[in-house]
Amino acid sequence: MSSRAPLFFANPLRYWRWAARERPAYFYSILIGSMGPVVLFTVPPTLKALGYERAAPIPMTYPIPPGPRKQLSGYDD
């Protein structure tokens, strides 16, 4: 077999086989990275179909009680 890398557009399957053997870090990182958009569009509908509900958002402010405030007495400076 020649030592030259096969051209991707000429024969993509042969190139992927070569890249998996000769450059596994690049090959598998691209493979895992390309699964990101697929997961983005498949996981949320799947979770919804399985009955998963998102948690309520955490309150960002303290709730102010209704009505007048009590006047504090004692321990005045």
PDB file of N, CA and C in Angstrom:
ATOM      1  N   MET A   1       0.845  -1.171   0.000  1.00  0.00           N
ATOM      2  CA  MET A   1       0.000   0.000   0.000  1.00  0.00           C
ATOM      3  C   MET A   1       0.891   1.235   0.000  1.00  0.00           C
ATOM      4  N   SER A   2       0.481   2.255  -0.695  1.00  0.00           N
ATOM      5  CA  SER A   2       1.312   3.458  -0.787  1.00  0.00           C
ATOM      6  C   SER A   2       1.278   4.218   0.530  1.00  0.00           C
ATOM      7  N   SER A   3       2.302   5.003   0.767  1.00  0.00           N
ATOM      8  CA  SER A   3       2.405   5.746   2.012  1.00  0.00           C
ATOM      9  C   SER A   3       1.637   7.063   1.946  1.00  0.00           C
ATOM     10  N   ARG A   4       1.121   7.385   0.758  1.00  0.00           N
ATOM     11  CA  ARG A   4       0.382   8.625   0.597  1.00  0.00           C
ATOM     12  C   ARG A   4      -1.054   8.448   1.086  1.00  0.00           C
ATOM     13  N   ALA A   5      -1.600   9.473   1.729  1.00  0.00           N
ATOM     14  CA  ALA A   5      -2.973   9.399   2.230  1.00  0.00           C
ATOM     15  C   ALA A   5      -3.945   9.449   1.057  1.00  0.00           C
ATOM     16  N   PRO A   6      -5.020   8.674   1.110  1.00  0.00           N
ATOM     17  CA  PRO A   6      -6.017   8.744   0.034  1.00  0.00           C
ATOM     18  C   PRO A   6      -6.748  10.081   0.079  1.00  0.00           C
ATOM     19  N   LEU A   7      -7.220  10.515  -1.057  1.00  0.00           N
ATOM     20  CA  LEU A   7      -7.946  11.777  -1.128  1.00  0.00           C
ATOM     21  C   LEU A   7      -9.369  11.577  -0.634  1.00  0.00           C
ATOM     22  N   PHE A   8      -9.833  12.503   0.175  1.00  0.00           N
ATOM     23  CA  PHE A   8     -11.159  12.350   0.777  1.00  0.00           C
ATOM     24  C   PHE A   8     -12.262  12.339  -0.274  1.00  0.00           C
ATOM     25  N   PHE A   9     -12.253  13.292  -1.194  1.00  0.00           N
ATOM     26  CA  PHE A   9     -13.341  13.409  -2.156  1.00  0.00           C
ATOM     27  C   PHE A   9     -13.287  12.342  -3.248  1.00  0.00           C
ATOM     28  N   ALA A  10     -12.145  11.740  -3.447  1.00  0.00           N
ATOM     29  CA  ALA A  10     -12.042  10.684  -4.455  1.00  0.00           C
ATOM     30  C   ALA A  10     -12.642   9.379  -3.925  1.00  0.00           C
ATOM     31  N   ASN A  11     -12.395   9.078  -2.659  1.00  0.00           N
ATOM     32  CA  ASN A  11     -12.894   7.827  -2.087  1.00  0.00           C
ATOM     33  C   ASN A  11     -13.051   8.018  -0.571  1.00  0.00           C
ATOM     34  N   PRO A  12     -14.211   8.545  -0.116  1.00  0.00           N
ATOM     35  CA  PRO A  12     -14.342   8.892   1.302  1.00  0.00           C
ATOM     36  C   PRO A  12     -14.261   7.696   2.251  1.00  0.00           C
ATOM     37  N   LEU A  13     -14.817   6.564   1.901  1.00  0.00           N
ATOM     38  CA  LEU A  13     -14.769   5.414   2.801  1.00  0.00           C
ATOM     39  C   LEU A  13     -13.342   4.928   3.009  1.00  0.00           C
ATOM     40  N   ARG A  14     -12.567   4.903   1.947  1.00  0.00           N
ATOM     41  CA  ARG A  14     -11.162   4.500   2.059  1.00  0.00           C
ATOM     42  C   ARG A  14     -10.379   5.511   2.909  1.00  0.00           C
ATOM     43  N   TYR A  15     -10.702   6.786   2.754  1.00  0.00           N
ATOM     44  CA  TYR A  15     -10.041   7.824   3.545  1.00  0.00           C
ATOM     45  C   TYR A  15     -10.374   7.663   5.019  1.00  0.00           C
ATOM     46  N   TRP A  16     -11.648   7.400   5.351  1.00  0.00           N
ATOM     47  CA  TRP A  16     -12.049   7.222   6.743  1.00  0.00           C
ATOM     48  C   TRP A  16     -11.355   6.015   7.358  1.00  0.00           C
ATOM     49  N   ARG A  17     -11.220   4.922   6.608  1.00  0.00           N
ATOM     50  CA  ARG A  17     -10.499   3.750   7.105  1.00  0.00           C
ATOM     51  C   ARG A  17      -9.039   4.093   7.376  1.00  0.00           C
ATOM     52  N   TRP A  18      -8.434   4.819   6.447  1.00  0.00           N
ATOM     53  CA  TRP A  18      -7.033   5.220   6.601  1.00  0.00           C
ATOM     54  C   TRP A  18      -6.880   6.142   7.820  1.00  0.00           C
ATOM     55  N   ALA A  19      -7.785   7.122   7.976  1.00  0.00           N
ATOM     56  CA  ALA A  19      -7.696   8.077   9.072  1.00  0.00           C
ATOM     57  C   ALA A  19      -7.902   7.385  10.422  1.00  0.00           C
ATOM     58  N   ALA A  20      -8.784   6.377  10.478  1.00  0.00           N
ATOM     59  CA  ALA A  20      -9.003   5.661  11.732  1.00  0.00           C
ATOM     60  C   ALA A  20      -7.752   4.916  12.165  1.00  0.00           C
ATOM     61  N   ARG A  21      -6.961   4.453  11.205  1.00  0.00           N
ATOM     62  CA  ARG A  21      -5.722   3.739  11.543  1.00  0.00           C
ATOM     63  C   ARG A  21      -4.556   4.686  11.783  1.00  0.00           C
ATOM     64  N   GLU A  22      -4.379   5.651  10.906  1.00  0.00           N
ATOM     65  CA  GLU A  22      -3.184   6.493  10.940  1.00  0.00           C
ATOM     66  C   GLU A  22      -3.316   7.731  11.838  1.00  0.00           C
ATOM     67  N   ARG A  23      -4.495   8.272  11.965  1.00  0.00           N
ATOM     68  CA  ARG A  23      -4.732   9.469  12.766  1.00  0.00           C
ATOM     69  C   ARG A  23      -5.987   9.285  13.630  1.00  0.00           C
ATOM     70  N   PRO A  24      -5.930   8.355  14.591  1.00  0.00           N
ATOM     71  CA  PRO A  24      -7.143   8.037  15.352  1.00  0.00           C
ATOM     72  C   PRO A  24      -7.649   9.197  16.216  1.00  0.00           C
ATOM     73  N   ALA A  25      -6.769  10.016  16.752  1.00  0.00           N
ATOM     74  CA  ALA A  25      -7.224  11.126  17.593  1.00  0.00           C
ATOM     75  C   ALA A  25      -8.058  12.110  16.785  1.00  0.00           C
ATOM     76  N   TYR A  26      -7.586  12.461  15.599  1.00  0.00           N
ATOM     77  CA  TYR A  26      -8.350  13.375  14.740  1.00  0.00           C
ATOM     78  C   TYR A  26      -9.652  12.730  14.287  1.00  0.00           C
ATOM     79  N   PHE A  27      -9.568  11.488  13.864  1.00  0.00           N
ATOM     80  CA  PHE A  27     -10.735  10.794  13.316  1.00  0.00           C
ATOM     81  C   PHE A  27     -11.850  10.699  14.354  1.00  0.00           C
ATOM     82  N   TYR A  28     -11.526  10.216  15.552  1.00  0.00           N
ATOM     83  CA  TYR A  28     -12.568  10.015  16.553  1.00  0.00           C
ATOM     84  C   TYR A  28     -13.049  11.329  17.157  1.00  0.00           C
ATOM     85  N   SER A  29     -12.191  12.336  17.238  1.00  0.00           N
ATOM     86  CA  SER A  29     -12.666  13.623  17.739  1.00  0.00           C
ATOM     87  C   SER A  29     -13.643  14.259  16.754  1.00  0.00           C
ATOM     88  N   ILE A  30     -13.390  14.129  15.477  1.00  0.00           N
ATOM     89  CA  ILE A  30     -14.330  14.638  14.471  1.00  0.00           C
ATOM     90  C   ILE A  30     -15.615  13.823  14.492  1.00  0.00           C
ATOM     91  N   LEU A  31     -15.503  12.517  14.661  1.00  0.00           N
ATOM     92  CA  LEU A  31     -16.679  11.662  14.721  1.00  0.00           C
ATOM     93  C   LEU A  31     -17.563  12.021  15.922  1.00  0.00           C
ATOM     94  N   ILE A  32     -16.965  12.184  17.090  1.00  0.00           N
ATOM     95  CA  ILE A  32     -17.735  12.534  18.291  1.00  0.00           C
ATOM     96  C   ILE A  32     -18.286  13.955  18.172  1.00  0.00           C
ATOM     97  N   GLY A  33     -17.496  14.868  17.646  1.00  0.00           N
ATOM     98  CA  GLY A  33     -17.966  16.247  17.474  1.00  0.00           C
ATOM     99  C   GLY A  33     -19.101  16.370  16.487  1.00  0.00           C
ATOM    100  N   SER A  34     -19.114  15.530  15.469  1.00  0.00           N
ATOM    101  CA  SER A  34     -20.202  15.597  14.488  1.00  0.00           C
ATOM    102  C   SER A  34     -21.499  15.024  15.040  1.00  0.00           C
ATOM    103  N   MET A  35     -21.432  14.278  16.132  1.00  0.00           N
ATOM    104  CA  MET A  35     -22.656  13.752  16.740  1.00  0.00           C
ATOM    105  C   MET A  35     -23.371  14.812  17.577  1.00  0.00           C
ATOM    106  N   GLY A  36     -22.726  15.935  17.875  1.00  0.00           N
ATOM    107  CA  GLY A  36     -23.333  16.993  18.680  1.00  0.00           C
ATOM    108  C   GLY A  36     -24.632  17.531  18.115  1.00  0.00           C
ATOM    109  N   PRO A  37     -24.660  17.980  16.852  1.00  0.00           N
ATOM    110  CA  PRO A  37     -25.922  18.480  16.292  1.00  0.00           C
ATOM    111  C   PRO A  37     -27.013  17.408  16.230  1.00  0.00           C
ATOM    112  N   VAL A  38     -26.631  16.165  16.010  1.00  0.00           N
ATOM    113  CA  VAL A  38     -27.616  15.084  15.979  1.00  0.00           C
ATOM    114  C   VAL A  38     -28.246  14.927  17.358  1.00  0.00           C
ATOM    115  N   VAL A  39     -27.420  14.954  18.396  1.00  0.00           N
ATOM    116  CA  VAL A  39     -27.917  14.824  19.765  1.00  0.00           C
ATOM    117  C   VAL A  39     -28.797  16.023  20.118  1.00  0.00           C
ATOM    118  N   LEU A  40     -28.444  17.202  19.640  1.00  0.00           N
ATOM    119  CA  LEU A  40     -29.199  18.411  19.927  1.00  0.00           C
ATOM    120  C   LEU A  40     -30.644  18.290  19.457  1.00  0.00           C
ATOM    121  N   PHE A  41     -30.863  17.632  18.326  1.00  0.00           N
ATOM    122  CA  PHE A  41     -32.208  17.532  17.778  1.00  0.00           C
ATOM    123  C   PHE A  41     -32.929  16.240  18.143  1.00  0.00           C
ATOM    124  N   THR A  42     -32.260  15.260  18.716  1.00  0.00           N
ATOM    125  CA  THR A  42     -32.924  13.998  19.036  1.00  0.00           C
ATOM    126  C   THR A  42     -33.173  13.791  20.522  1.00  0.00           C
ATOM    127  N   VAL A  43     -32.317  14.286  21.396  1.00  0.00           N
ATOM    128  CA  VAL A  43     -32.466  14.016  22.829  1.00  0.00           C
ATOM    129  C   VAL A  43     -33.672  14.731  23.445  1.00  0.00           C
ATOM    130  N   PRO A  44     -33.891  16.044  23.230  1.00  0.00           N
ATOM    131  CA  PRO A  44     -35.049  16.681  23.870  1.00  0.00           C
ATOM    132  C   PRO A  44     -36.397  16.046  23.495  1.00  0.00           C
ATOM    133  N   PRO A  45     -36.682  15.741  22.209  1.00  0.00           N
ATOM    134  CA  PRO A  45     -37.951  15.081  21.923  1.00  0.00           C
ATOM    135  C   PRO A  45     -38.051  13.687  22.543  1.00  0.00           C
ATOM    136  N   THR A  46     -36.932  12.988  22.611  1.00  0.00           N
ATOM    137  CA  THR A  46     -36.940  11.656  23.216  1.00  0.00           C
ATOM    138  C   THR A  46     -37.249  11.752  24.706  1.00  0.00           C
ATOM    139  N   LEU A  47     -36.624  12.693  25.407  1.00  0.00           N
ATOM    140  CA  LEU A  47     -36.895  12.873  26.827  1.00  0.00           C
ATOM    141  C   LEU A  47     -38.351  13.259  27.060  1.00  0.00           C
ATOM    142  N   LYS A  48     -38.880  14.122  26.201  1.00  0.00           N
ATOM    143  CA  LYS A  48     -40.281  14.534  26.339  1.00  0.00           C
ATOM    144  C   LYS A  48     -41.208  13.343  26.127  1.00  0.00           C
ATOM    145  N   ALA A  49     -40.892  12.489  25.180  1.00  0.00           N
ATOM    146  CA  ALA A  49     -41.709  11.302  24.920  1.00  0.00           C
ATOM    147  C   ALA A  49     -41.646  10.323  26.092  1.00  0.00           C
ATOM    148  N   LEU A  50     -40.542  10.302  26.820  1.00  0.00           N
ATOM    149  CA  LEU A  50     -40.408   9.412  27.973  1.00  0.00           C
ATOM    150  C   LEU A  50     -41.009   9.995  29.249  1.00  0.00           C
ATOM    151  N   GLY A  51     -41.526  11.236  29.172  1.00  0.00           N
ATOM    152  CA  GLY A  51     -42.199  11.827  30.320  1.00  0.00           C
ATOM    153  C   GLY A  51     -41.330  12.696  31.204  1.00  0.00           C
ATOM    154  N   TYR A  52     -40.147  13.042  30.756  1.00  0.00           N
ATOM    155  CA  TYR A  52     -39.258  13.897  31.551  1.00  0.00           C
ATOM    156  C   TYR A  52     -39.760  15.335  31.491  1.00  0.00           C
ATOM    157  N   GLU A  53     -39.839  15.982  32.656  1.00  0.00           N
ATOM    158  CA  GLU A  53     -40.232  17.387  32.707  1.00  0.00           C
ATOM    159  C   GLU A  53     -39.086  18.192  33.306  1.00  0.00           C
ATOM    160  N   ARG A  54     -38.863  19.354  32.747  1.00  0.00           N
ATOM    161  CA  ARG A  54     -37.798  20.213  33.265  1.00  0.00           C
ATOM    162  C   ARG A  54     -38.191  20.765  34.626  1.00  0.00           C
ATOM    163  N   ALA A  55     -37.221  20.989  35.473  1.00  0.00           N
ATOM    164  CA  ALA A  55     -37.471  21.547  36.801  1.00  0.00           C
ATOM    165  C   ALA A  55     -37.874  23.012  36.672  1.00  0.00           C
ATOM    166  N   ALA A  56     -38.632  23.483  37.665  1.00  0.00           N
ATOM    167  CA  ALA A  56     -39.023  24.893  37.676  1.00  0.00           C
ATOM    168  C   ALA A  56     -37.776  25.755  37.847  1.00  0.00           C
ATOM    169  N   PRO A  57     -37.750  26.930  37.231  1.00  0.00           N
ATOM    170  CA  PRO A  57     -36.568  27.776  37.362  1.00  0.00           C
ATOM    171  C   PRO A  57     -36.369  28.245  38.805  1.00  0.00           C
ATOM    172  N   ILE A  58     -35.127  28.406  39.178  1.00  0.00           N
ATOM    173  CA  ILE A  58     -34.781  28.870  40.519  1.00  0.00           C
ATOM    174  C   ILE A  58     -35.137  30.349  40.627  1.00  0.00           C
ATOM    175  N   PRO A  59     -35.811  30.769  41.718  1.00  0.00           N
ATOM    176  CA  PRO A  59     -36.146  32.196  41.848  1.00  0.00           C
ATOM    177  C   PRO A  59     -34.878  33.043  41.941  1.00  0.00           C
ATOM    178  N   MET A  60     -34.889  34.160  41.252  1.00  0.00           N
ATOM    179  CA  MET A  60     -33.722  35.038  41.243  1.00  0.00           C
ATOM    180  C   MET A  60     -33.833  36.161  42.271  1.00  0.00           C
ATOM    181  N   THR A  61     -35.039  36.372  42.870  1.00  0.00           N
ATOM    182  CA  THR A  61     -35.227  37.399  43.879  1.00  0.00           C
ATOM    183  C   THR A  61     -35.949  36.790  45.074  1.00  0.00           C
ATOM    184  N   TYR A  62     -35.881  37.479  46.192  1.00  0.00           N
ATOM    185  CA  TYR A  62     -36.587  37.033  47.382  1.00  0.00           C
ATOM    186  C   TYR A  62     -38.033  37.500  47.267  1.00  0.00           C
ATOM    187  N   PRO A  63     -39.021  36.633  47.515  1.00  0.00           N
ATOM    188  CA  PRO A  63     -40.413  37.078  47.387  1.00  0.00           C
ATOM    189  C   PRO A  63     -40.775  38.071  48.497  1.00  0.00           C
ATOM    190  N   ILE A  64     -41.393  39.185  48.138  1.00  0.00           N
ATOM    191  CA  ILE A  64     -41.793  40.204  49.098  1.00  0.00           C
ATOM    192  C   ILE A  64     -43.170  39.813  49.632  1.00  0.00           C
ATOM    193  N   PRO A  65     -43.321  39.715  50.958  1.00  0.00           N
ATOM    194  CA  PRO A  65     -44.617  39.313  51.505  1.00  0.00           C
ATOM    195  C   PRO A  65     -45.665  40.406  51.296  1.00  0.00           C
ATOM    196  N   PRO A  66     -46.931  40.018  51.093  1.00  0.00           N
ATOM    197  CA  PRO A  66     -47.979  41.020  50.907  1.00  0.00           C
ATOM    198  C   PRO A  66     -48.345  41.681  52.239  1.00  0.00           C
ATOM    199  N   GLY A  67     -48.872  42.880  52.178  1.00  0.00           N
ATOM    200  CA  GLY A  67     -49.328  43.580  53.377  1.00  0.00           C
ATOM    201  C   GLY A  67     -48.242  44.446  53.984  1.00  0.00           C
ATOM    202  N   PRO A  68     -48.611  45.170  55.042  1.00  0.00           N
ATOM    203  CA  PRO A  68     -47.633  46.078  55.676  1.00  0.00           C
ATOM    204  C   PRO A  68     -46.567  45.291  56.451  1.00  0.00           C
ATOM    205  N   ARG A  69     -45.424  45.895  56.576  1.00  0.00           N
ATOM    206  CA  ARG A  69     -44.336  45.264  57.299  1.00  0.00           C
ATOM    207  C   ARG A  69     -44.496  45.495  58.794  1.00  0.00           C
ATOM    208  N   LYS A  70     -44.037  44.520  59.581  1.00  0.00           N
ATOM    209  CA  LYS A  70     -44.099  44.671  61.039  1.00  0.00           C
ATOM    210  C   LYS A  70     -42.993  45.617  61.488  1.00  0.00           C
ATOM    211  N   GLN A  71     -43.330  46.461  62.459  1.00  0.00           N
ATOM    212  CA  GLN A  71     -42.318  47.337  63.029  1.00  0.00           C
ATOM    213  C   GLN A  71     -41.550  46.551  64.076  1.00  0.00           C
ATOM    214  N   LEU A  72     -40.265  46.556  63.972  1.00  0.00           N
ATOM    215  CA  LEU A  72     -39.419  45.849  64.927  1.00  0.00           C
ATOM    216  C   LEU A  72     -39.248  46.693  66.168  1.00  0.00           C
ATOM    217  N   SER A  73     -39.144  46.031  67.323  1.00  0.00           N
ATOM    218  CA  SER A  73     -38.914  46.773  68.569  1.00  0.00           C
ATOM    219  C   SER A  73     -37.775  46.100  69.321  1.00  0.00           C
ATOM    220  N   GLY A  74     -37.028  46.900  70.053  1.00  0.00           N
ATOM    221  CA  GLY A  74     -35.912  46.374  70.816  1.00  0.00           C
ATOM    222  C   GLY A  74     -34.639  46.326  70.001  1.00  0.00           C
ATOM    223  N   TYR A  75     -33.532  46.246  70.697  1.00  0.00           N
ATOM    224  CA  TYR A  75     -32.200  46.150  70.098  1.00  0.00           C
ATOM    225  C   TYR A  75     -31.912  47.318  69.154  1.00  0.00           C
ATOM    226  N   ASP A  76     -32.432  48.506  69.484  1.00  0.00           N
ATOM    227  CA  ASP A  76     -32.167  49.668  68.636  1.00  0.00           C
ATOM    228  C   ASP A  76     -30.784  50.219  68.942  1.00  0.00           C
ATOM    229  N   ASP A  77     -30.146  50.778  67.974  1.00  0.00           N
ATOM    230  CA  ASP A  77     -28.845  51.412  68.159  1.00  0.00           C
ATOM    231  C   ASP A  77     -29.055  52.864  68.487  1.00  0.00           C
TER     232      ASP A  77
END
